[in-house]
PDB file of N, CA and C in Angstrom:
ATOM      1  N   MET A   1     200.486  78.620  96.024  1.00  0.00           N
ATOM      2  CA  MET A   1     199.008  78.997  96.424  1.00  0.00           C
ATOM      3  C   MET A   1     198.688  79.856  95.080  1.00  0.00           C
ATOM      4  N   GLN A   2     199.495  80.720  94.741  1.00  0.00           N
ATOM      5  CA  GLN A   2     198.798  81.887  93.706  1.00  0.00           C
ATOM      6  C   GLN A   2     199.094  81.100  91.990  1.00  0.00           C
ATOM      7  N   LYS A   3     197.658  81.001  91.513  1.00  0.00           N
ATOM      8  CA  LYS A   3     197.668  80.638  90.460  1.00  0.00           C
ATOM      9  C   LYS A   3     198.182  81.548  89.321  1.00  0.00           C
ATOM     10  N   ALA A   4     198.766  81.074  88.006  1.00  0.00           N
ATOM     11  CA  ALA A   4     199.265  81.745  87.022  1.00  0.00           C
ATOM     12  C   ALA A   4     198.394  82.502  86.193  1.00  0.00           C
ATOM     13  N   TYR A   5     197.689  83.562  86.560  1.00  0.00           N
ATOM     14  CA  TYR A   5     196.644  84.228  85.748  1.00  0.00           C
ATOM     15  C   TYR A   5     197.382  84.895  84.596  1.00  0.00           C
ATOM     16  N   PHE A   6     198.851  84.967  84.638  1.00  0.00           N
ATOM     17  CA  PHE A   6     199.311  85.423  83.456  1.00  0.00           C
ATOM     18  C   PHE A   6     200.863  85.309  83.623  1.00  0.00           C
ATOM     19  N   LYS A   7     201.387  84.924  82.598  1.00  0.00           N
ATOM     20  CA  LYS A   7     202.841  84.541  82.753  1.00  0.00           C
ATOM     21  C   LYS A   7     203.905  85.724  82.201  1.00  0.00           C
ATOM     22  N   SER A   8     203.585  86.800  81.572  1.00  0.00           N
ATOM     23  CA  SER A   8     204.143  87.780  81.240  1.00  0.00           C
ATOM     24  C   SER A   8     203.094  89.080  81.171  1.00  0.00           C
ATOM     25  N   LYS A   9     203.625  90.588  81.483  1.00  0.00           N
ATOM     26  CA  LYS A   9     202.748  91.399  81.189  1.00  0.00           C
ATOM     27  C   LYS A   9     202.324  91.620  79.920  1.00  0.00           C
ATOM     28  N   GLU A  10     202.916  91.038  78.941  1.00  0.00           N
ATOM     29  CA  GLU A  10     202.236  91.033  77.605  1.00  0.00           C
ATOM     30  C   GLU A  10     200.843  90.123  77.391  1.00  0.00           C
ATOM     31  N   GLU A  11     200.874  89.493  78.357  1.00  0.00           N
ATOM     32  CA  GLU A  11     199.593  88.457  78.348  1.00  0.00           C
ATOM     33  C   GLU A  11     198.355  89.009  78.540  1.00  0.00           C
ATOM     34  N   ASN A  12     198.761  89.754  79.700  1.00  0.00           N
ATOM     35  CA  ASN A  12     197.404  90.668  80.396  1.00  0.00           C
ATOM     36  C   ASN A  12     197.849  91.891  80.770  1.00  0.00           C
ATOM     37  N   PRO A  13     198.307  93.137  79.969  1.00  0.00           N
ATOM     38  CA  PRO A  13     199.022  94.024  80.260  1.00  0.00           C
ATOM     39  C   PRO A  13     198.040  94.782  81.065  1.00  0.00           C
ATOM     40  N   VAL A  14     196.826  94.928  80.904  1.00  0.00           N
ATOM     41  CA  VAL A  14     196.143  95.886  81.993  1.00  0.00           C
ATOM     42  C   VAL A  14     196.029  95.393  83.229  1.00  0.00           C
ATOM     43  N   LEU A  15     195.909  94.073  83.643  1.00  0.00           N
ATOM     44  CA  LEU A  15     196.073  93.575  84.915  1.00  0.00           C
ATOM     45  C   LEU A  15     197.537  94.116  85.618  1.00  0.00           C
ATOM     46  N   TYR A  16     198.615  93.614  84.470  1.00  0.00           N
ATOM     47  CA  TYR A  16     199.839  93.997  85.094  1.00  0.00           C
ATOM     48  C   TYR A  16     200.098  95.489  85.292  1.00  0.00           C
ATOM     49  N   LYS A  17     199.569  96.153  84.537  1.00  0.00           N
ATOM     50  CA  LYS A  17     199.734  97.782  84.874  1.00  0.00           C
ATOM     51  C   LYS A  17     198.985  98.014  86.252  1.00  0.00           C
ATOM     52  N   PHE A  18     197.973  97.655  86.635  1.00  0.00           N
ATOM     53  CA  PHE A  18     197.415  97.840  87.890  1.00  0.00           C
ATOM     54  C   PHE A  18     198.190  97.231  88.938  1.00  0.00           C
ATOM     55  N   LEU A  19     198.489  96.133  88.939  1.00  0.00           N
ATOM     56  CA  LEU A  19     199.341  95.209  89.986  1.00  0.00           C
ATOM     57  C   LEU A  19     200.852  96.322  90.146  1.00  0.00           C
ATOM     58  N   ASP A  20     201.239  96.660  89.017  1.00  0.00           N
ATOM     59  CA  ASP A  20     202.328  97.627  89.165  1.00  0.00           C
ATOM     60  C   ASP A  20     202.019  98.636  90.029  1.00  0.00           C
ATOM     61  N   ARG A  21     200.872  99.437  89.598  1.00  0.00           N
ATOM     62  CA  ARG A  21     200.516 100.660  90.234  1.00  0.00           C
ATOM     63  C   ARG A  21     200.205 100.270  91.800  1.00  0.00           C
ATOM     64  N   ALA A  22     199.655  99.122  91.914  1.00  0.00           N
ATOM     65  CA  ALA A  22     199.337  98.542  93.514  1.00  0.00           C
ATOM     66  C   ALA A  22     200.469  98.662  94.542  1.00  0.00           C
ATOM     67  N   THR A  23     201.362  98.059  93.732  1.00  0.00           N
ATOM     68  CA  THR A  23     202.888  97.935  94.577  1.00  0.00           C
ATOM     69  C   THR A  23     203.340  99.414  94.756  1.00  0.00           C
ATOM     70  N   ASP A  24     203.450 100.413  93.718  1.00  0.00           N
ATOM     71  CA  ASP A  24     203.748 101.383  94.226  1.00  0.00           C
ATOM     72  C   ASP A  24     202.984 102.028  95.206  1.00  0.00           C
ATOM     73  N   ASP A  25     201.613 102.072  95.129  1.00  0.00           N
ATOM     74  CA  ASP A  25     200.690 102.816  96.368  1.00  0.00           C
ATOM     75  C   ASP A  25     201.388 101.841  97.394  1.00  0.00           C
ATOM     76  N   LEU A  26     201.591 100.879  97.599  1.00  0.00           N
ATOM     77  CA  LEU A  26     201.853  99.775  98.961  1.00  0.00           C
ATOM     78  C   LEU A  26     203.264 100.628  99.390  1.00  0.00           C
ATOM     79  N   LYS A  27     203.852 100.725  98.356  1.00  0.00           N
ATOM     80  CA  LYS A  27     205.552 100.946  99.058  1.00  0.00           C
ATOM     81  C   LYS A  27     205.489 102.506  99.680  1.00  0.00           C
ATOM     82  N   ALA A  28     204.470 103.286  99.046  1.00  0.00           N
ATOM     83  CA  ALA A  28     204.057 104.663  99.623  1.00  0.00           C
ATOM     84  C   ALA A  28     203.526 104.894 101.003  1.00  0.00           C
ATOM     85  N   ASN A  29     202.426 103.713 100.864  1.00  0.00           N
ATOM     86  CA  ASN A  29     201.394 103.773 102.099  1.00  0.00           C
ATOM     87  C   ASN A  29     201.098 102.207 102.464  1.00  0.00           C
ATOM     88  N   PRO A  30     201.800 101.619 102.985  1.00  0.00           N
ATOM     89  CA  PRO A  30     201.399 100.049 103.118  1.00  0.00           C
ATOM     90  C   PRO A  30     199.899  99.729 103.915  1.00  0.00           C
ATOM     91  N   GLU A  31     199.307 101.064 104.244  1.00  0.00           N
ATOM     92  CA  GLU A  31     197.902 100.931 104.877  1.00  0.00           C
ATOM     93  C   GLU A  31     196.923 101.294 104.069  1.00  0.00           C
ATOM     94  N   CYS A  32     197.352 101.790 102.632  1.00  0.00           N
ATOM     95  CA  CYS A  32     196.182 102.211 101.739  1.00  0.00           C
ATOM     96  C   CYS A  32     195.250 101.297 101.116  1.00  0.00           C
ATOM     97  N   GLY A  33     195.390 100.025 101.683  1.00  0.00           N
ATOM     98  CA  GLY A  33     194.102  99.081 101.300  1.00  0.00           C
ATOM     99  C   GLY A  33     193.035  99.137 102.276  1.00  0.00           C
ATOM    100  N   ILE A  34     192.272  98.040 102.213  1.00  0.00           N
ATOM    101  CA  ILE A  34     191.046  98.066 103.546  1.00  0.00           C
ATOM    102  C   ILE A  34     191.705  96.908 104.471  1.00  0.00           C
ATOM    103  N   GLU A  35     191.596  97.408 105.520  1.00  0.00           N
ATOM    104  CA  GLU A  35     191.935  96.167 106.675  1.00  0.00           C
ATOM    105  C   GLU A  35     190.800  95.255 106.726  1.00  0.00           C
ATOM    106  N   ILE A  36     190.946  93.744 106.770  1.00  0.00           N
ATOM    107  CA  ILE A  36     190.026  92.885 106.981  1.00  0.00           C
ATOM    108  C   ILE A  36     190.165  92.576 108.370  1.00  0.00           C
ATOM    109  N   PRO A  37     188.930  92.486 108.871  1.00  0.00           N
ATOM    110  CA  PRO A  37     188.552  92.144 110.485  1.00  0.00           C
ATOM    111  C   PRO A  37     189.279  90.886 110.678  1.00  0.00           C
ATOM    112  N   LYS A  38     189.980  90.996 111.797  1.00  0.00           N
ATOM    113  CA  LYS A  38     190.912  89.554 112.438  1.00  0.00           C
ATOM    114  C   LYS A  38     189.774  88.198 112.244  1.00  0.00           C
ATOM    115  N   ARG A  39     188.797  88.488 112.482  1.00  0.00           N
ATOM    116  CA  ARG A  39     187.823  87.628 112.629  1.00  0.00           C
ATOM    117  C   ARG A  39     187.467  86.779 111.192  1.00  0.00           C
ATOM    118  N   LEU A  40     187.715  87.498 110.109  1.00  0.00           N
ATOM    119  CA  LEU A  40     187.243  87.027 108.917  1.00  0.00           C
ATOM    120  C   LEU A  40     188.694  86.760 108.361  1.00  0.00           C
ATOM    121  N   ILE A  41     189.713  86.794 108.795  1.00  0.00           N
ATOM    122  CA  ILE A  41     190.875  86.267 107.922  1.00  0.00           C
ATOM    123  C   ILE A  41     190.714  84.810 107.834  1.00  0.00           C
ATOM    124  N   PRO A  42     190.827  84.238 106.582  1.00  0.00           N
ATOM    125  CA  PRO A  42     190.738  82.642 106.360  1.00  0.00           C
ATOM    126  C   PRO A  42     191.642  82.095 107.030  1.00  0.00           C
ATOM    127  N   LYS A  43     191.454  81.035 107.411  1.00  0.00           N
ATOM    128  CA  LYS A  43     192.394  80.138 108.315  1.00  0.00           C
ATOM    129  C   LYS A  43     193.798  79.878 107.519  1.00  0.00           C
ATOM    130  N   ILE A  44     193.562  79.623 106.117  1.00  0.00           N
ATOM    131  CA  ILE A  44     194.630  79.075 105.205  1.00  0.00           C
ATOM    132  C   ILE A  44     195.794  80.114 105.232  1.00  0.00           C
ATOM    133  N   TYR A  45     195.548  81.323 105.458  1.00  0.00           N
ATOM    134  CA  TYR A  45     196.485  82.574 105.519  1.00  0.00           C
ATOM    135  C   TYR A  45     197.285  82.311 106.897  1.00  0.00           C
ATOM    136  N   LYS A  46     196.531  82.148 107.932  1.00  0.00           N
ATOM    137  CA  LYS A  46     196.863  82.036 109.388  1.00  0.00           C
ATOM    138  C   LYS A  46     197.810  80.909 109.353  1.00  0.00           C
ATOM    139  N   GLN A  47     197.609  79.737 108.883  1.00  0.00           N
ATOM    140  CA  GLN A  47     198.574  78.502 108.933  1.00  0.00           C
ATOM    141  C   GLN A  47     199.796  78.569 108.212  1.00  0.00           C
ATOM    142  N   LYS A  48     199.326  78.943 106.564  1.00  0.00           N
ATOM    143  CA  LYS A  48     200.581  79.018 105.823  1.00  0.00           C
ATOM    144  C   LYS A  48     201.476  80.015 105.916  1.00  0.00           C
ATOM    145  N   TYR A  49     201.069  81.477 106.427  1.00  0.00           N
ATOM    146  CA  TYR A  49     201.926  82.569 106.535  1.00  0.00           C
ATOM    147  C   TYR A  49     202.189  82.835 107.700  1.00  0.00           C
ATOM    148  N   GLY A  50     201.396  82.466 108.712  1.00  0.00           N
ATOM    149  CA  GLY A  50     201.521  83.124 110.108  1.00  0.00           C
ATOM    150  C   GLY A  50     201.305  84.419 110.565  1.00  0.00           C
ATOM    151  N   ILE A  51     200.164  84.852 109.761  1.00  0.00           N
ATOM    152  CA  ILE A  51     199.773  86.243 109.840  1.00  0.00           C
ATOM    153  C   ILE A  51     199.077  86.487 110.705  1.00  0.00           C
ATOM    154  N   ASN A  52     198.907  87.706 111.163  1.00  0.00           N
ATOM    155  CA  ASN A  52     197.830  88.072 112.172  1.00  0.00           C
ATOM    156  C   ASN A  52     197.013  89.286 111.711  1.00  0.00           C
ATOM    157  N   ASN A  53     197.226  89.943 110.790  1.00  0.00           N
ATOM    158  CA  ASN A  53     196.338  90.752 109.935  1.00  0.00           C
ATOM    159  C   ASN A  53     196.477  90.745 108.338  1.00  0.00           C
ATOM    160  N   LEU A  54     195.465  91.029 107.906  1.00  0.00           N
ATOM    161  CA  LEU A  54     195.140  91.038 106.210  1.00  0.00           C
ATOM    162  C   LEU A  54     194.385  92.478 105.739  1.00  0.00           C
ATOM    163  N   TRP A  55     194.888  92.533 104.721  1.00  0.00           N
ATOM    164  CA  TRP A  55     194.289  93.800 103.840  1.00  0.00           C
ATOM    165  C   TRP A  55     194.164  93.504 102.604  1.00  0.00           C
ATOM    166  N   LYS A  56     192.944  94.016 102.019  1.00  0.00           N
ATOM    167  CA  LYS A  56     192.904  94.035 100.361  1.00  0.00           C
ATOM    168  C   LYS A  56     192.621  95.346  99.820  1.00  0.00           C
ATOM    169  N   TYR A  57     193.408  95.176  98.718  1.00  0.00           N
ATOM    170  CA  TYR A  57     193.475  96.574  97.573  1.00  0.00           C
ATOM    171  C   TYR A  57     192.900  96.013  96.483  1.00  0.00           C
ATOM    172  N   ASN A  58     191.866  97.012  96.383  1.00  0.00           N
ATOM    173  CA  ASN A  58     190.802  96.565  95.107  1.00  0.00           C
ATOM    174  C   ASN A  58     191.578  96.870  93.839  1.00  0.00           C
ATOM    175  N   LEU A  59     191.622  96.156  92.688  1.00  0.00           N
ATOM    176  CA  LEU A  59     191.859  96.252  91.667  1.00  0.00           C
ATOM    177  C   LEU A  59     190.645  96.529  90.672  1.00  0.00           C
ATOM    178  N   PRO A  60     190.995  97.100  89.341  1.00  0.00           N
ATOM    179  CA  PRO A  60     189.838  97.304  88.278  1.00  0.00           C
ATOM    180  C   PRO A  60     189.183  95.842  87.995  1.00  0.00           C
ATOM    181  N   ASP A  61     188.273  95.815  87.301  1.00  0.00           N
ATOM    182  CA  ASP A  61     187.383  94.642  86.938  1.00  0.00           C
ATOM    183  C   ASP A  61     187.353  93.869  87.885  1.00  0.00           C
ATOM    184  N   ALA A  62     187.111  93.917  89.059  1.00  0.00           N
ATOM    185  CA  ALA A  62     186.548  93.248  90.208  1.00  0.00           C
ATOM    186  C   ALA A  62     187.748  92.323  90.774  1.00  0.00           C
ATOM    187  N   TRP A  63     188.916  92.558  90.150  1.00  0.00           N
ATOM    188  CA  TRP A  63     190.077  91.694  91.040  1.00  0.00           C
ATOM    189  C   TRP A  63     190.485  92.130  92.367  1.00  0.00           C
ATOM    190  N   ARG A  64     191.057  91.769  93.269  1.00  0.00           N
ATOM    191  CA  ARG A  64     191.495  91.671  94.646  1.00  0.00           C
ATOM    192  C   ARG A  64     192.966  91.307  94.672  1.00  0.00           C
ATOM    193  N   LEU A  65     193.695  92.307  95.735  1.00  0.00           N
ATOM    194  CA  LEU A  65     195.125  91.624  95.935  1.00  0.00           C
ATOM    195  C   LEU A  65     194.850  91.807  97.247  1.00  0.00           C
ATOM    196  N   VAL A  66     195.464  90.891  98.055  1.00  0.00           N
ATOM    197  CA  VAL A  66     195.071  90.438  99.589  1.00  0.00           C
ATOM    198  C   VAL A  66     196.800  90.505  99.994  1.00  0.00           C
ATOM    199  N   TYR A  67     197.014  91.155 101.068  1.00  0.00           N
ATOM    200  CA  TYR A  67     198.326  91.360 101.777  1.00  0.00           C
ATOM    201  C   TYR A  67     198.480  91.528 103.009  1.00  0.00           C
ATOM    202  N   SER A  68     199.658  91.276 103.673  1.00  0.00           N
ATOM    203  CA  SER A  68     199.603  91.462 104.960  1.00  0.00           C
ATOM    204  C   SER A  68     200.860  92.517 105.456  1.00  0.00           C
ATOM    205  N   ILE A  69     200.936  93.082 106.510  1.00  0.00           N
ATOM    206  CA  ILE A  69     202.004  94.148 106.679  1.00  0.00           C
ATOM    207  C   ILE A  69     202.632  93.533 108.278  1.00  0.00           C
ATOM    208  N   ALA A  70     203.926  93.711 107.884  1.00  0.00           N
ATOM    209  CA  ALA A  70     204.954  93.447 108.848  1.00  0.00           C
ATOM    210  C   ALA A  70     206.048  94.143 109.191  1.00  0.00           C
ATOM    211  N   GLY A  71     206.521  94.143 110.385  1.00  0.00           N
ATOM    212  CA  GLY A  71     207.841  95.173 110.334  1.00  0.00           C
ATOM    213  C   GLY A  71     208.018  95.747 111.678  1.00  0.00           C
ATOM    214  N   ASN A  72     208.729  96.605 112.002  1.00  0.00           N
ATOM    215  CA  ASN A  72     209.190  97.328 113.321  1.00  0.00           C
ATOM    216  C   ASN A  72     209.270  98.766 112.917  1.00  0.00           C
ATOM    217  N   GLU A  73     209.955  99.675 113.761  1.00  0.00           N
ATOM    218  CA  GLU A  73     209.792 101.106 113.875  1.00  0.00           C
ATOM    219  C   GLU A  73     210.808 101.493 112.810  1.00  0.00           C
ATOM    220  N   VAL A  74     211.415 100.705 112.163  1.00  0.00           N
ATOM    221  CA  VAL A  74     212.463 101.009 111.273  1.00  0.00           C
ATOM    222  C   VAL A  74     211.631 100.608 110.012  1.00  0.00           C
ATOM    223  N   GLU A  75     211.351  99.723 109.512  1.00  0.00           N
ATOM    224  CA  GLU A  75     210.721  99.382 108.120  1.00  0.00           C
ATOM    225  C   GLU A  75     209.377  98.863 108.403  1.00  0.00           C
ATOM    226  N   ILE A  76     208.710  98.992 107.628  1.00  0.00           N
ATOM    227  CA  ILE A  76     207.282  98.321 107.447  1.00  0.00           C
ATOM    228  C   ILE A  76     207.400  97.714 106.024  1.00  0.00           C
ATOM    229  N   ILE A  77     206.767  96.286 106.030  1.00  0.00           N
ATOM    230  CA  ILE A  77     206.978  95.650 104.739  1.00  0.00           C
ATOM    231  C   ILE A  77     205.534  95.059 104.294  1.00  0.00           C
ATOM    232  N   ALA A  78     205.089  95.476 102.947  1.00  0.00           N
ATOM    233  CA  ALA A  78     203.560  94.702 102.657  1.00  0.00           C
ATOM    234  C   ALA A  78     203.770  93.310 101.862  1.00  0.00           C
ATOM    235  N   ILE A  79     203.387  92.468 102.433  1.00  0.00           N
ATOM    236  CA  ILE A  79     203.721  90.764 101.930  1.00  0.00           C
ATOM    237  C   ILE A  79     202.495  90.765 100.729  1.00  0.00           C
ATOM    238  N   LEU A  80     202.884  90.798  99.718  1.00  0.00           N
ATOM    239  CA  LEU A  80     201.640  90.437  98.749  1.00  0.00           C
ATOM    240  C   LEU A  80     201.594  88.827  98.899  1.00  0.00           C
ATOM    241  N   LEU A  81     200.051  88.589  99.249  1.00  0.00           N
ATOM    242  CA  LEU A  81     199.723  86.935  99.307  1.00  0.00           C
ATOM    243  C   LEU A  81     199.400  86.450  97.946  1.00  0.00           C
ATOM    244  N   GLU A  82     198.414  87.123  97.571  1.00  0.00           N
ATOM    245  CA  GLU A  82     197.301  86.713  96.629  1.00  0.00           C
ATOM    246  C   GLU A  82     196.785  87.755  95.418  1.00  0.00           C
ATOM    247  N   TRP A  83     196.512  87.586  94.204  1.00  0.00           N
ATOM    248  CA  TRP A  83     195.559  88.324  93.550  1.00  0.00           C
ATOM    249  C   TRP A  83     194.621  87.464  92.602  1.00  0.00           C
ATOM    250  N   PHE A  84     193.514  87.790  92.856  1.00  0.00           N
ATOM    251  CA  PHE A  84     192.474  86.966  91.892  1.00  0.00           C
ATOM    252  C   PHE A  84     191.335  87.519  91.582  1.00  0.00           C
ATOM    253  N   PRO A  85     190.473  87.216  90.760  1.00  0.00           N
ATOM    254  CA  PRO A  85     189.150  87.750  90.477  1.00  0.00           C
ATOM    255  C   PRO A  85     188.091  87.650  91.563  1.00  0.00           C
ATOM    256  N   HIS A  86     187.393  88.635  91.541  1.00  0.00           N
ATOM    257  CA  HIS A  86     186.379  88.549  92.783  1.00  0.00           C
ATOM    258  C   HIS A  86     185.718  87.427  92.961  1.00  0.00           C
ATOM    259  N   LYS A  87     185.535  86.399  91.920  1.00  0.00           N
ATOM    260  CA  LYS A  87     184.610  85.401  92.151  1.00  0.00           C
ATOM    261  C   LYS A  87     185.619  84.470  93.119  1.00  0.00           C
ATOM    262  N   GLU A  88     186.807  84.359  92.829  1.00  0.00           N
ATOM    263  CA  GLU A  88     187.695  83.688  93.497  1.00  0.00           C
ATOM    264  C   GLU A  88     187.798  84.034  95.126  1.00  0.00           C
ATOM    265  N   TYR A  89     187.681  85.430  94.948  1.00  0.00           N
ATOM    266  CA  TYR A  89     188.295  86.236  96.306  1.00  0.00           C
ATOM    267  C   TYR A  89     186.977  85.709  97.373  1.00  0.00           C
ATOM    268  N   GLU A  90     185.621  85.800  96.716  1.00  0.00           N
ATOM    269  CA  GLU A  90     184.449  85.280  97.572  1.00  0.00           C
ATOM    270  C   GLU A  90     184.638  84.118  97.843  1.00  0.00           C
ATOM    271  N   ARG A  91     185.142  83.130  96.970  1.00  0.00           N
ATOM    272  CA  ARG A  91     185.109  81.580  97.508  1.00  0.00           C
ATOM    273  C   ARG A  91     185.921  81.594  98.641  1.00  0.00           C
ATOM    274  N   ARG A  92     187.415  82.154  98.814  1.00  0.00           N
ATOM    275  CA  ARG A  92     188.263  82.151  99.823  1.00  0.00           C
ATOM    276  C   ARG A  92     187.700  82.637 100.938  1.00  0.00           C
ATOM    277  N   PHE A  93     187.148  83.730 100.850  1.00  0.00           N
ATOM    278  CA  PHE A  93     186.475  84.507 101.927  1.00  0.00           C
ATOM    279  C   PHE A  93     185.127  83.865 102.549  1.00  0.00           C
ATOM    280  N   LYS A  94     184.571  82.976 101.745  1.00  0.00           N
ATOM    281  CA  LYS A  94     183.334  82.165 102.115  1.00  0.00           C
ATOM    282  C   LYS A  94     182.036  83.251 102.108  1.00  0.00           C
ATOM    283  N   TYR A  95     182.066  84.403 101.158  1.00  0.00           N
ATOM    284  CA  TYR A  95     181.138  85.318 100.979  1.00  0.00           C
ATOM    285  C   TYR A  95     179.929  84.384 100.427  1.00  0.00           C
TER     286      TYR A  95
END
């Protein structure tokens, strides 16, 4: 599903830096993003990944990272699903 927006950190170092920061933030606090209401979760995510929650993390230059949270009392896992420019984010969520 994920398009190859860049093949290496050298190709898009700014976005790579912010994705790296986002993963650090999510490791520290998986709920640091914005929770998307369940009624707005695109069906493709529910069908493909079987998720019941979805979060977005705003990246600079209007990029968005969407992820889900899974886990139990012992561990919490943030599952990165996609990152894309805002225009594609709007298309995915039908805004």
